[in-house]
Amino acid sequence: MAPASFRLDTLAANLIERLEPVRRAYVDSPEAAREVMLKTTEEIADNVARECRAVMGDEVQARRIETEAVATFLPRYVRLAIEQNRVERWEAITPLNVMMQRLIPLLLGLFGAGLMMRLVAGRWDLVFYVIPLLALFWPEWIGAWARRRYRAELQELANDLGQLQDADERLSPGVEVAEVGPMKAERARRRPASNHEKG
């Protein structure tokens, strides 16, 4: 069983932390974002795999790290990241966005409120004018919902990598983590002495 620091879910969490600044830096360049994300993912996975080989001597887990980071984690992350960048571009305050997301819905809402007041006059007049004003905050509501969904999907991605790690370990129960170097020496030092050694 791989220790926590070399598990796929831990790797996924570390990759997300490193790739999020990359995503935000390439909001307007999806193709450039893909290239940089691929390069960053490969570098991080190679470093973790190299450390896994050096510290644990676990070639199986090292290859698992190298493979799953690029084949499983990266495609899903890139898809989620590019979709989130699209949402953030739409949420950005630009003249076009202000017109499309705030002013037009507001004008349509006021027009609809005027029609409703003709049909249902009386105590509901104020409500018909207040509701269209909510359109001014529509992009913020959509953005907050999208960010919440994005965080949940990233957590789901890390959890899926953890389940993949567990499934792989169940399918190969005979693969033991090799103890090499300092770990083996430390285990030997902590092992209680036998009766023969005590005598």
Protein backbone atom coordinates (compact mmCIF):
# COMPACT_ATOMS: atom_id res chain seq x y z
CA MET A 1 0.00 0.00 0.00
CA ALA A 2 1.39 3.36 -1.02
CA PRO A 3 1.89 5.96 1.72
CA ALA A 4 -0.31 9.05 1.65
CA SER A 5 2.35 11.28 0.11
CA PHE A 6 2.59 9.07 -2.99
CA ARG A 7 -1.09 8.24 -3.47
CA LEU A 8 -2.91 9.36 -6.61
CA ASP A 9 -5.45 11.46 -4.72
CA THR A 10 -2.63 13.34 -3.00
CA LEU A 11 -0.98 13.81 -6.37
CA ALA A 12 -4.25 15.14 -7.80
CA ALA A 13 -4.63 17.65 -4.96
CA ASN A 14 -1.05 18.87 -5.49
CA LEU A 15 -1.56 19.16 -9.24
CA ILE A 16 -4.76 21.16 -8.78
CA GLU A 17 -2.96 23.55 -6.45
CA ARG A 18 -0.17 24.06 -8.97
CA LEU A 19 -2.38 24.24 -12.07
CA GLU A 20 -4.99 26.71 -10.82
CA PRO A 21 -2.63 29.72 -11.21
CA VAL A 22 -1.83 28.45 -14.72
CA ARG A 23 -5.54 28.27 -15.54
CA ARG A 24 -6.14 31.82 -14.40
CA ALA A 25 -3.12 33.08 -16.32
CA TYR A 26 -4.50 31.70 -19.61
CA VAL A 27 -8.18 32.61 -19.35
CA ASP A 28 -8.26 33.83 -22.97
CA SER A 29 -5.94 31.19 -24.48
CA PRO A 30 -7.32 27.63 -24.17
CA GLU A 31 -4.70 26.02 -26.43
CA ALA A 32 -1.80 27.71 -24.66
CA ALA A 33 -3.36 26.67 -21.34
CA ARG A 34 -3.47 23.02 -22.48
CA GLU A 35 0.20 23.06 -23.44
CA VAL A 36 1.39 24.65 -20.21
CA MET A 37 -0.84 22.36 -18.11
CA LEU A 38 0.54 19.29 -19.87
CA LYS A 39 4.13 20.39 -19.33
CA THR A 40 3.51 21.27 -15.67
CA THR A 41 1.69 17.99 -15.01
CA GLU A 42 4.45 15.91 -16.58
CA GLU A 43 7.13 17.72 -14.58
CA ILE A 44 5.33 17.31 -11.27
CA ALA A 45 4.44 13.66 -11.93
CA ASP A 46 8.04 12.89 -12.95
CA ASN A 47 9.38 14.49 -9.77
CA VAL A 48 6.93 12.60 -7.54
CA ALA A 49 7.63 9.31 -9.34
CA ARG A 50 11.37 9.84 -9.03
CA GLU A 51 10.99 10.50 -5.31
CA CYS A 52 8.79 7.42 -4.96
CA ARG A 53 11.49 5.27 -6.55
CA ALA A 54 14.25 6.80 -4.45
CA VAL A 55 12.49 6.73 -1.09
CA MET A 56 10.18 3.71 -1.38
CA GLY A 57 11.75 1.67 -4.15
CA ASP A 58 8.20 1.14 -5.47
CA GLU A 59 8.40 0.92 -9.24
CA VAL A 60 4.71 -0.06 -9.57
CA GLN A 61 3.49 3.07 -7.80
CA ALA A 62 6.00 5.27 -9.63
CA ARG A 63 4.70 4.09 -13.00
CA ARG A 64 1.14 4.47 -11.77
CA ILE A 65 1.89 8.11 -10.90
CA GLU A 66 3.46 8.82 -14.29
CA THR A 67 0.60 7.19 -16.21
CA GLU A 68 -2.49 8.33 -14.33
CA ALA A 69 -1.37 11.95 -14.00
CA VAL A 70 -1.36 12.39 -17.77
CA ALA A 71 -3.89 9.79 -18.91
CA THR A 72 -6.59 10.16 -16.24
CA PHE A 73 -6.17 13.38 -14.27
CA LEU A 74 -5.10 15.85 -16.95
CA PRO A 75 -7.91 15.39 -19.55
CA ARG A 76 -10.61 15.86 -16.92
CA TYR A 77 -8.87 18.81 -15.31
CA VAL A 78 -8.29 20.57 -18.63
CA ARG A 79 -11.97 20.15 -19.57
CA LEU A 80 -13.12 21.57 -16.22
CA ALA A 81 -10.55 24.38 -16.27
CA ILE A 82 -11.41 25.57 -19.78
CA GLU A 83 -15.12 25.55 -18.96
CA GLN A 84 -14.46 27.56 -15.80
CA ASN A 85 -12.35 30.03 -17.79
CA ARG A 86 -15.24 30.46 -20.20
CA VAL A 87 -17.53 31.28 -17.27
CA GLU A 88 -15.03 33.76 -15.88
CA ARG A 89 -14.66 35.46 -19.26
CA TRP A 90 -18.43 35.83 -19.41
CA GLU A 91 -18.45 37.18 -15.85
CA ALA A 92 -15.76 39.79 -16.55
CA ILE A 93 -16.93 43.40 -16.56
CA THR A 94 -16.62 44.55 -20.16
CA PRO A 95 -18.91 46.85 -22.16
CA LEU A 96 -20.34 43.90 -24.09
CA ASN A 97 -20.94 41.84 -20.94
CA VAL A 98 -22.56 44.75 -19.15
CA MET A 99 -24.89 45.27 -22.10
CA MET A 100 -25.75 41.59 -22.60
CA GLN A 101 -25.98 40.49 -18.97
CA ARG A 102 -27.28 43.51 -17.13
CA LEU A 103 -28.87 46.24 -19.25
CA ILE A 104 -30.82 44.10 -21.71
CA PRO A 105 -32.30 41.82 -18.98
CA LEU A 106 -33.10 44.93 -16.93
CA LEU A 107 -34.93 46.63 -19.83
CA LEU A 108 -36.81 43.44 -20.70
CA GLY A 109 -37.75 43.02 -17.06
CA LEU A 110 -39.04 46.57 -16.80
CA PHE A 111 -41.03 46.13 -20.00
CA GLY A 112 -42.53 42.92 -18.61
CA ALA A 113 -43.28 44.66 -15.30
CA GLY A 114 -45.14 47.40 -17.17
CA LEU A 115 -47.28 44.82 -18.92
CA MET A 116 -48.02 42.98 -15.70
CA MET A 117 -49.06 46.21 -14.00
CA ARG A 118 -51.64 46.76 -16.71
CA LEU A 119 -53.05 43.30 -16.03
CA VAL A 120 -52.70 43.17 -12.24
CA ALA A 121 -52.76 46.67 -10.82
CA GLY A 122 -52.75 47.50 -7.14
CA ARG A 123 -50.56 46.35 -4.28
CA TRP A 124 -48.22 44.31 -6.52
CA ASP A 125 -46.98 47.36 -8.45
CA LEU A 126 -43.76 47.77 -6.42
CA VAL A 127 -42.91 44.05 -6.70
CA PHE A 128 -43.11 44.17 -10.47
CA TYR A 129 -40.47 46.90 -10.51
CA VAL A 130 -38.19 45.40 -7.85
CA ILE A 131 -37.87 41.98 -9.50
CA PRO A 132 -36.32 43.30 -12.74
CA LEU A 133 -33.64 45.11 -10.68
CA LEU A 134 -32.36 41.69 -9.61
CA ALA A 135 -31.11 41.28 -13.19
CA LEU A 136 -28.29 43.69 -12.32
CA PHE A 137 -26.80 41.00 -10.08
CA TRP A 138 -27.42 38.03 -12.39
CA PRO A 139 -23.74 37.59 -13.47
CA GLU A 140 -22.58 37.48 -9.83
CA TRP A 141 -25.13 34.78 -9.02
CA ILE A 142 -24.13 32.72 -12.02
CA GLY A 143 -20.44 33.18 -11.21
CA ALA A 144 -20.87 32.13 -7.57
CA TRP A 145 -22.82 29.03 -8.61
CA ALA A 146 -20.20 28.15 -11.23
CA ARG A 147 -17.32 28.50 -8.76
CA ARG A 148 -19.08 26.30 -6.24
CA ARG A 149 -19.75 23.65 -8.89
CA TYR A 150 -16.14 23.88 -10.11
CA ARG A 151 -14.73 23.29 -6.60
CA ALA A 152 -17.04 20.30 -6.16
CA GLU A 153 -15.96 18.80 -9.50
CA LEU A 154 -12.27 19.22 -8.62
CA GLN A 155 -12.88 17.46 -5.31
CA GLU A 156 -14.69 14.69 -7.16
CA LEU A 157 -11.71 14.35 -9.51
CA ALA A 158 -9.31 13.91 -6.57
CA ASN A 159 -11.69 11.43 -4.94
CA ASP A 160 -11.90 9.40 -8.16
CA LEU A 161 -8.12 9.18 -8.29
CA GLY A 162 -8.16 7.93 -4.71
CA GLN A 163 -10.68 5.23 -5.65
CA LEU A 164 -8.53 4.27 -8.61
CA GLN A 165 -5.54 3.96 -6.28
CA ASP A 166 -7.51 1.69 -3.93
CA ALA A 167 -8.80 -0.44 -6.80
CA ASP A 168 -5.31 -0.91 -8.25
CA GLU A 169 -3.95 -1.95 -4.86
CA ARG A 170 -6.77 -4.46 -4.38
CA LEU A 171 -6.06 -5.98 -7.80
CA SER A 172 -2.35 -6.38 -7.02
CA PRO A 173 -2.22 -7.39 -3.35
CA GLY A 174 1.06 -9.21 -3.83
CA VAL A 175 2.94 -6.03 -4.65
CA GLU A 176 4.70 -4.86 -1.52
CA VAL A 177 6.44 -1.56 -1.01
CA ALA A 178 10.15 -2.23 -0.92
CA GLU A 179 12.10 -0.84 1.99
CA VAL A 180 15.38 0.64 0.93
CA GLY A 181 17.98 2.97 2.28
CA PRO A 182 17.08 4.96 5.39
CA MET A 183 13.62 3.39 5.74
CA LYS A 184 15.04 -0.13 5.95
CA ALA A 185 17.69 0.95 8.42
CA GLU A 186 15.09 2.72 10.57
CA ARG A 187 12.81 -0.33 10.57
CA ALA A 188 15.72 -2.55 11.57
CA ARG A 189 16.68 -0.16 14.38
CA ARG A 190 13.15 -0.15 15.79
CA ARG A 191 12.67 -3.94 15.53
CA PRO A 192 12.83 -5.48 19.03
CA ALA A 193 15.79 -7.77 19.60
CA SER A 194 15.12 -11.51 19.59
CA ASN A 195 15.85 -13.74 22.66
CA HIS A 196 19.03 -14.94 21.00
CA GLU A 197 20.18 -11.36 20.43
CA LYS A 198 19.35 -10.46 24.03
CA GLY A 199 21.41 -13.37 25.33
